[in-house]
Amino acid sequence: MNKHCYAVIMAGGIGSRFWPMSRTNHPKQFIDVLGTGKTLIQQTFDRLNKMCPSENIYIVTNAIYEDLVLNQLQIDRNQVLCEPSMKNTAPCIAYAAFKIHQKDPNAKMIVAPSDHLILDEEEFLKKVNISLEAVKSNDILITLGIQPSRPDTGYGYIQFCNNQLESDSEIKKVSRFTEKPNQELAEQFLSSGDFLWNSGIFIWSTKSIINRLKTDLSDLYNSFIEREHLLNTEREKEFINSIYPSIESISIDFGIMEKADNVYVIPSDFGWSDLGTFGSLYTHIPKDNSENALVSKNVLLYNSSKNMIHSNSDKLIVIDGLEDYIVVDQKNVLLICKKENEQMIKQYTRDVKEKKGEDYV
């Protein structure tokens, strides 16, 4: 295990598309959404721990989730990087990069979301190890691109060109990032053969990403460089709390990856899903004979098929005559919604917050 290998798990989101299973005070990354016995963040940590020493794995999260992280992962409090407010992915990656680089200027850094599914871990580890080897001797930023299996309009895409890294032909030069396409464009992307889904998983040296921050996001770079000596000290929290109000909220894709000229991608196929919706969750949960996906301790179904049912309580749930529904029983909320209407869930949460109060979201 390489002592210069570090991992950063981004775990600050609230998972609003999974309400009411995912709540503001207990979002989806801290939930066993698949019924495996482990939460999504625990699965992500265990996966990365196969490459990085556990003491080299950092969690960047909202300050309100610090205790949740410490309860679920056996790590030191210093490994939990608490953001006072959500500012998208560039600031949280910058925070982690500066903190790790100060500790180890030779650090190589894997960045991964906390709530993604990876079915083929052996293949995933293989692609990451190829990337880690490449960033040792090349000033490049690598992302893992997923071979698309369908013209999906829910993902961003990465187009690669014929240029490849001299030392490894598997690593392709990125020509452009694109936002989520419409159906017609997604079909063109799929048929072209040179577009990949954007997984949001990155590998680089801390030196390389800090250099790109200096070039492409100079205000963010300056916010950290001016008092970086306070990182890894007892004044770190005070320092972070003082700079975050003025930091721009911006994604790493928009802020750096779409601008930089040293971005590469590895085409990958390791059973990846961002588990972004109940629909995607449904496809990855074992089904009964009527194609119902059940993550629940106590359910009886009659004349019901193709439903997604989730409950963490011991309450008996009896359902008769439902087809293609989402049913979520969670604390003080019961959601019953047609699967085809799941895009309305964000609207439901806004209405609930406005009409019924914060206790329900």
Protein backbone atom coordinates (compact mmCIF):
# COMPACT_ATOMS: atom_id res chain seq x y z
CA MET A 1 0.00 0.00 0.00
CA ASN A 2 1.50 3.32 -1.12
CA LYS A 3 2.06 5.77 1.74
CA HIS A 4 1.82 8.67 -0.75
CA CYS A 5 -1.66 7.61 -1.90
CA TYR A 6 -4.51 9.66 -0.43
CA ALA A 7 -8.25 9.54 -1.00
CA VAL A 8 -10.81 12.29 -0.60
CA ILE A 9 -14.46 11.33 -0.25
CA MET A 10 -16.95 14.11 -0.97
CA ALA A 11 -19.88 13.62 1.39
CA GLY A 12 -21.59 16.99 1.81
CA GLY A 13 -24.77 16.61 -0.26
CA ILE A 14 -28.28 16.24 1.15
CA GLY A 15 -29.65 13.82 -1.47
CA SER A 16 -32.86 15.75 -2.05
CA ARG A 17 -34.00 13.45 -4.88
CA PHE A 18 -34.21 10.62 -2.31
CA TRP A 19 -36.55 12.39 0.10
CA PRO A 20 -38.00 11.24 2.48
CA MET A 21 -35.46 8.42 2.80
CA SER A 22 -32.73 11.05 2.64
CA ARG A 23 -33.27 13.93 5.06
CA THR A 24 -31.33 17.11 5.77
CA ASN A 25 -30.04 15.73 9.07
CA HIS A 26 -29.37 12.21 7.70
CA PRO A 27 -28.71 12.22 3.92
CA LYS A 28 -28.43 9.22 1.61
CA GLN A 29 -24.67 8.69 1.87
CA PHE A 30 -25.18 7.71 5.51
CA ILE A 31 -28.01 5.26 4.72
CA ASP A 32 -27.94 1.59 3.71
CA VAL A 33 -30.03 2.32 0.61
CA LEU A 34 -29.25 -1.03 -1.05
CA GLY A 35 -29.96 -3.25 1.96
CA THR A 36 -26.38 -4.61 2.04
CA GLY A 37 -25.70 -3.97 5.72
CA LYS A 38 -23.37 -1.06 4.93
CA THR A 39 -24.10 2.58 4.16
CA LEU A 40 -22.92 4.12 0.89
CA ILE A 41 -20.10 6.05 2.57
CA GLN A 42 -18.92 2.89 4.34
CA GLN A 43 -18.82 1.03 1.03
CA THR A 44 -16.88 3.90 -0.58
CA PHE A 45 -14.39 4.03 2.31
CA ASP A 46 -13.79 0.26 2.23
CA ARG A 47 -13.22 0.36 -1.54
CA LEU A 48 -10.63 3.15 -1.34
CA ASN A 49 -9.00 1.58 1.71
CA LYS A 50 -7.82 -1.22 -0.60
CA MET A 51 -5.42 1.32 -2.18
CA CYS A 52 -4.85 3.92 0.54
CA PRO A 53 -3.97 3.52 4.21
CA SER A 54 -7.03 4.32 6.32
CA GLU A 55 -5.24 7.28 7.91
CA ASN A 56 -4.81 8.75 4.40
CA ILE A 57 -8.54 8.83 3.64
CA TYR A 58 -10.22 12.20 4.22
CA ILE A 59 -13.93 12.96 4.25
CA VAL A 60 -15.08 16.42 3.17
CA THR A 61 -18.56 17.12 4.46
CA ASN A 62 -20.87 19.73 5.87
CA ALA A 63 -20.07 20.56 9.48
CA ILE A 64 -23.48 19.26 10.60
CA TYR A 65 -22.48 15.72 9.49
CA GLU A 66 -19.20 15.48 11.39
CA ASP A 67 -20.59 13.19 14.09
CA LEU A 68 -22.38 11.02 11.51
CA VAL A 69 -19.07 10.46 9.71
CA LEU A 70 -17.24 9.61 12.92
CA ASN A 71 -20.01 7.23 14.00
CA GLN A 72 -19.87 5.32 10.71
CA LEU A 73 -16.14 5.29 9.96
CA GLN A 74 -13.25 4.35 12.23
CA ILE A 75 -11.13 7.43 11.53
CA ASP A 76 -9.56 10.31 13.42
CA ARG A 77 -11.46 13.56 13.75
CA ASN A 78 -8.63 15.30 11.87
CA GLN A 79 -9.60 13.26 8.78
CA VAL A 80 -13.04 14.90 8.67
CA LEU A 81 -12.85 18.20 6.78
CA CYS A 82 -15.89 20.22 7.82
CA GLU A 83 -17.23 22.88 5.49
CA PRO A 84 -19.33 25.57 7.19
CA SER A 85 -21.49 25.87 4.05
CA MET A 86 -21.96 24.06 0.75
CA LYS A 87 -19.88 25.65 -2.02
CA ASN A 88 -19.91 22.89 -4.68
CA THR A 89 -16.94 20.65 -5.51
CA ALA A 90 -14.04 23.00 -6.35
CA PRO A 91 -13.69 24.52 -2.84
CA CYS A 92 -13.94 21.18 -1.06
CA ILE A 93 -11.31 19.66 -3.38
CA ALA A 94 -9.08 22.70 -2.89
CA TYR A 95 -9.40 22.40 0.89
CA ALA A 96 -8.40 18.73 0.81
CA ALA A 97 -5.58 19.27 -1.70
CA PHE A 98 -3.92 22.05 0.30
CA LYS A 99 -4.28 20.14 3.58
CA ILE A 100 -2.81 16.94 2.16
CA HIS A 101 -0.05 18.70 0.19
CA GLN A 102 1.17 20.51 3.28
CA LYS A 103 1.49 17.15 5.01
CA ASP A 104 2.99 15.32 2.01
CA PRO A 105 4.26 17.27 -1.04
CA ASN A 106 4.56 13.96 -2.96
CA ALA A 107 0.91 13.06 -2.43
CA LYS A 108 -1.22 11.45 -5.13
CA MET A 109 -4.93 12.05 -4.61
CA ILE A 110 -8.07 10.12 -5.54
CA VAL A 111 -11.30 12.13 -5.35
CA ALA A 112 -14.60 10.24 -5.25
CA PRO A 113 -18.23 10.94 -4.35
CA SER A 114 -19.50 9.14 -1.25
CA ASP A 115 -22.75 7.83 -2.72
CA HIS A 116 -21.93 6.01 -5.96
CA LEU A 117 -22.31 2.31 -6.67
CA ILE A 118 -19.42 0.29 -8.12
CA LEU A 119 -20.19 -3.38 -8.77
CA ASP A 120 -16.82 -4.52 -10.17
CA GLU A 121 -14.35 -3.33 -7.56
CA GLU A 122 -11.44 -5.27 -9.05
CA GLU A 123 -11.80 -3.43 -12.37
CA PHE A 124 -12.22 -0.11 -10.56
CA LEU A 125 -9.02 -0.66 -8.57
CA LYS A 126 -7.19 -1.59 -11.77
CA LYS A 127 -8.17 1.70 -13.47
CA VAL A 128 -7.28 3.77 -10.41
CA ASN A 129 -3.88 2.09 -10.08
CA ILE A 130 -3.15 2.83 -13.77
CA SER A 131 -4.05 6.46 -13.06
CA LEU A 132 -1.92 6.67 -9.92
CA GLU A 133 1.07 5.34 -11.81
CA ALA A 134 0.55 7.90 -14.59
CA VAL A 135 0.31 10.94 -12.30
CA LYS A 136 3.59 10.03 -10.59
CA SER A 137 5.59 11.24 -13.57
CA ASN A 138 3.12 13.38 -15.55
CA ASP A 139 1.61 16.77 -14.73
CA ILE A 140 -1.90 15.68 -15.71
CA LEU A 141 -5.43 15.49 -14.32
CA ILE A 142 -7.18 12.15 -14.87
CA THR A 143 -10.88 11.36 -14.67
CA LEU A 144 -12.55 7.98 -15.05
CA GLY A 145 -15.12 7.99 -17.86
CA ILE A 146 -17.81 5.33 -17.98
CA GLN A 147 -18.52 3.47 -21.22
CA PRO A 148 -22.19 4.42 -21.91
CA SER A 149 -24.65 1.54 -22.23
CA ARG A 150 -27.60 3.68 -23.34
CA PRO A 151 -28.32 7.25 -24.53
CA ASP A 152 -28.85 8.57 -21.02
CA THR A 153 -29.85 12.23 -20.66
CA GLY A 154 -29.18 12.30 -16.92
CA TYR A 155 -25.38 12.32 -17.10
CA GLY A 156 -22.75 14.76 -18.29
CA TYR A 157 -20.46 13.42 -21.02
CA ILE A 158 -16.74 13.51 -21.80
CA GLN A 159 -15.45 13.33 -25.37
CA PHE A 160 -11.95 11.97 -25.92
CA CYS A 161 -9.71 12.25 -28.99
CA ASN A 162 -7.12 10.04 -30.65
CA ASN A 163 -4.25 11.57 -28.68
CA GLN A 164 -3.15 9.40 -25.80
CA LEU A 165 -0.61 9.53 -23.00
CA GLU A 166 2.78 8.49 -24.36
CA SER A 167 3.43 6.12 -21.47
CA ASP A 168 0.01 4.43 -21.55
CA SER A 169 -2.28 4.16 -24.57
CA GLU A 170 -5.26 3.43 -22.31
CA ILE A 171 -5.20 7.05 -21.07
CA LYS A 172 -6.89 9.31 -23.64
CA LYS A 173 -6.72 13.07 -24.05
CA VAL A 174 -10.00 14.83 -23.31
CA SER A 175 -11.28 17.09 -26.06
CA ARG A 176 -14.33 18.47 -24.24
CA PHE A 177 -16.83 18.07 -21.42
CA THR A 178 -20.52 18.51 -22.21
CA GLU A 179 -23.54 19.09 -20.02
CA LYS A 180 -26.50 16.71 -19.86
CA PRO A 181 -27.75 16.36 -23.47
CA ASN A 182 -31.26 16.03 -24.87
CA GLN A 183 -32.37 12.63 -26.15
CA GLU A 184 -31.32 13.22 -29.77
CA LEU A 185 -27.85 14.41 -28.78
CA ALA A 186 -27.42 11.54 -26.30
CA GLU A 187 -28.14 9.07 -29.11
CA GLN A 188 -25.51 10.77 -31.28
CA PHE A 189 -22.99 10.59 -28.43
CA LEU A 190 -23.64 6.87 -27.97
CA SER A 191 -23.27 6.04 -31.67
CA SER A 192 -20.09 8.11 -32.09
CA GLY A 193 -18.09 5.85 -29.78
CA ASP A 194 -15.88 8.61 -28.38
CA PHE A 195 -18.15 9.89 -25.60
CA LEU A 196 -18.15 8.63 -22.01
CA TRP A 197 -20.31 9.33 -18.98
CA ASN A 198 -18.71 11.70 -16.48
CA SER A 199 -18.29 9.70 -13.26
CA GLY A 200 -16.97 12.55 -11.11
CA ILE A 201 -14.01 10.41 -10.01
CA PHE A 202 -10.59 12.10 -10.34
CA ILE A 203 -6.93 11.17 -9.86
CA TRP A 204 -4.00 13.61 -9.77
CA SER A 205 -1.05 14.73 -7.68
CA THR A 206 -1.75 17.46 -5.16
CA LYS A 207 0.95 19.51 -6.88
CA SER A 208 -0.85 19.31 -10.25
CA ILE A 209 -4.31 20.25 -8.96
CA ILE A 210 -2.92 23.13 -6.86
CA ASN A 211 -1.10 24.45 -9.95
CA ARG A 212 -4.39 24.36 -11.89
CA LEU A 213 -6.17 26.16 -9.05
CA LYS A 214 -3.53 28.89 -9.28
CA THR A 215 -4.09 29.20 -13.05
CA ASP A 216 -7.86 28.74 -13.39
CA LEU A 217 -9.35 29.66 -9.99
CA SER A 218 -6.90 32.22 -8.66
CA ASP A 219 -9.29 33.71 -6.09
CA LEU A 220 -9.88 30.29 -4.57
CA TYR A 221 -6.15 29.52 -4.68
CA ASN A 222 -5.30 32.80 -2.95
CA SER A 223 -7.88 32.18 -0.22
CA PHE A 224 -5.94 29.08 0.83
CA ILE A 225 -2.33 29.99 -0.01
CA GLU A 226 -2.31 33.13 2.13
CA ARG A 227 -2.79 31.18 5.36
CA GLU A 228 -2.15 27.59 4.40
CA HIS A 229 0.23 27.28 7.37
CA LEU A 230 -2.88 27.13 9.58
CA LEU A 231 -3.97 23.84 8.02
CA ASN A 232 -3.22 20.77 10.14
CA THR A 233 -3.10 22.97 13.24
CA GLU A 234 -5.63 23.72 15.98
CA ARG A 235 -6.51 26.93 14.08
CA GLU A 236 -7.60 25.11 10.91
CA LYS A 237 -11.32 25.25 11.69
CA GLU A 238 -11.14 28.98 12.49
CA PHE A 239 -9.29 29.58 9.21
CA ILE A 240 -11.80 27.60 7.10
CA ASN A 241 -14.78 29.29 8.75
CA SER A 242 -13.27 32.69 8.02
CA ILE A 243 -12.70 32.17 4.28
CA TYR A 244 -15.78 30.17 3.27
CA PRO A 245 -18.32 33.03 3.27
CA SER A 246 -16.39 34.80 0.50
CA ILE A 247 -15.48 31.71 -1.56
CA GLU A 248 -17.27 31.31 -4.89
CA SER A 249 -19.55 28.28 -5.22
CA ILE A 250 -18.26 26.49 -8.32
CA SER A 251 -17.83 22.92 -9.54
CA ILE A 252 -14.43 21.41 -10.28
CA ASP A 253 -15.70 20.52 -13.77
CA PHE A 254 -16.65 24.08 -14.69
CA GLY A 255 -13.84 25.74 -12.76
CA ILE A 256 -10.92 23.58 -13.91
CA MET A 257 -11.62 20.40 -15.92
CA GLU A 258 -13.36 22.19 -18.81
CA LYS A 259 -10.55 24.76 -19.07
CA ALA A 260 -7.33 22.84 -18.40
CA ASP A 261 -5.23 21.56 -21.30
CA ASN A 262 -3.76 18.60 -19.37
CA VAL A 263 -6.94 16.59 -18.73
CA TYR A 264 -7.05 12.88 -19.62
CA VAL A 265 -9.67 10.17 -19.26
CA ILE A 266 -9.60 6.40 -18.92
CA PRO A 267 -12.57 4.66 -20.58
CA SER A 268 -13.95 2.36 -17.88
CA ASP A 269 -16.60 -0.25 -17.30
CA PHE A 270 -16.86 -1.30 -13.66
CA GLY A 271 -20.60 -1.44 -13.00
CA TRP A 272 -20.95 2.21 -12.06
CA SER A 273 -24.07 4.14 -11.10
CA ASP A 274 -24.38 7.50 -9.39
CA LEU A 275 -27.60 6.23 -7.72
CA GLY A 276 -29.07 9.63 -8.48
CA THR A 277 -32.75 8.67 -8.41
CA PHE A 278 -35.09 6.06 -7.01
CA GLY A 279 -35.32 4.73 -10.57
CA SER A 280 -31.59 4.03 -10.70
CA LEU A 281 -31.74 2.54 -7.20
CA TYR A 282 -34.57 0.22 -8.32
CA THR A 283 -32.40 -1.27 -11.08
CA HIS A 284 -29.69 -2.32 -8.59
CA ILE A 285 -31.81 -4.00 -5.91
CA PRO A 286 -32.78 -7.70 -6.13
CA LYS A 287 -36.43 -8.17 -7.13
CA ASP A 288 -39.09 -10.64 -6.03
CA ASN A 289 -41.07 -12.70 -8.54
CA SER A 290 -43.29 -9.70 -9.29
CA GLU A 291 -40.31 -7.39 -9.89
CA ASN A 292 -40.76 -5.53 -6.61
CA ALA A 293 -37.52 -4.11 -5.17
CA LEU A 294 -37.73 -4.35 -1.39
CA VAL A 295 -35.44 -2.74 1.18
CA SER A 296 -37.62 -3.37 4.19
CA LYS A 297 -37.84 -5.73 7.14
CA ASN A 298 -41.58 -6.33 7.20
CA VAL A 299 -43.66 -6.19 3.99
CA LEU A 300 -46.60 -8.16 2.63
CA LEU A 301 -47.61 -7.58 -1.00
CA TYR A 302 -50.75 -8.58 -2.88
CA ASN A 303 -51.45 -8.00 -6.59
CA SER A 304 -48.50 -5.61 -6.70
CA SER A 305 -45.58 -5.45 -9.11
CA LYS A 306 -42.58 -3.35 -10.20
CA ASN A 307 -42.58 -1.25 -7.02
CA MET A 308 -39.68 0.28 -5.09
CA ILE A 309 -40.37 -0.06 -1.35
CA HIS A 310 -38.02 1.24 1.35
CA SER A 311 -38.49 1.26 5.12
CA ASN A 312 -36.01 1.20 8.01
CA SER A 313 -38.62 0.53 10.69
CA ASP A 314 -40.14 -2.70 12.02
CA LYS A 315 -43.60 -1.47 11.06
CA LEU A 316 -45.60 -4.00 9.06
CA ILE A 317 -46.36 -2.64 5.59
CA VAL A 318 -49.23 -4.27 3.67
CA ILE A 319 -49.75 -3.22 0.06
CA ASP A 320 -52.44 -4.36 -2.36
CA GLY A 321 -52.89 -3.35 -5.99
CA LEU A 322 -49.91 -1.08 -6.64
CA GLU A 323 -47.82 -1.19 -9.82
CA ASP A 324 -44.79 0.94 -10.70
CA TYR A 325 -44.83 2.96 -7.46
CA ILE A 326 -42.24 4.28 -5.03
CA VAL A 327 -43.19 3.72 -1.38
CA VAL A 328 -40.91 5.16 1.31
CA ASP A 329 -41.79 4.95 5.00
CA GLN A 330 -39.37 7.10 6.95
CA LYS A 331 -39.84 8.50 10.46
CA ASN A 332 -42.65 11.06 10.24
CA VAL A 333 -43.17 10.90 6.46
CA LEU A 334 -44.79 8.38 4.15
CA LEU A 335 -44.26 8.90 0.41
CA ILE A 336 -46.39 7.07 -2.17
CA CYS A 337 -45.50 8.22 -5.68
CA LYS A 338 -45.67 6.82 -9.21
CA LYS A 339 -42.18 5.95 -10.43
CA GLU A 340 -42.80 7.98 -13.57
CA ASN A 341 -43.35 11.08 -11.42
CA GLU A 342 -40.17 10.83 -9.34
CA GLN A 343 -38.84 14.04 -10.91
CA MET A 344 -41.50 15.76 -8.78
CA ILE A 345 -39.80 14.78 -5.52
CA LYS A 346 -37.78 17.98 -5.32
CA GLN A 347 -41.01 19.92 -5.76
CA TYR A 348 -42.66 17.86 -3.02
CA THR A 349 -39.85 18.74 -0.60
CA ARG A 350 -40.12 22.46 -1.41
CA ASP A 351 -43.89 22.37 -0.84
CA VAL A 352 -43.52 20.36 2.37
CA LYS A 353 -40.91 22.77 3.72
CA GLU A 354 -43.13 25.75 2.93
CA LYS A 355 -46.46 24.33 4.10
CA LYS A 356 -45.54 21.83 6.81
CA GLY A 357 -42.17 22.99 8.15
CA GLU A 358 -38.53 21.91 8.48
CA ASP A 359 -39.31 18.87 10.65
CA TYR A 360 -40.44 16.94 7.57
CA VAL A 361 -37.43 17.59 5.34
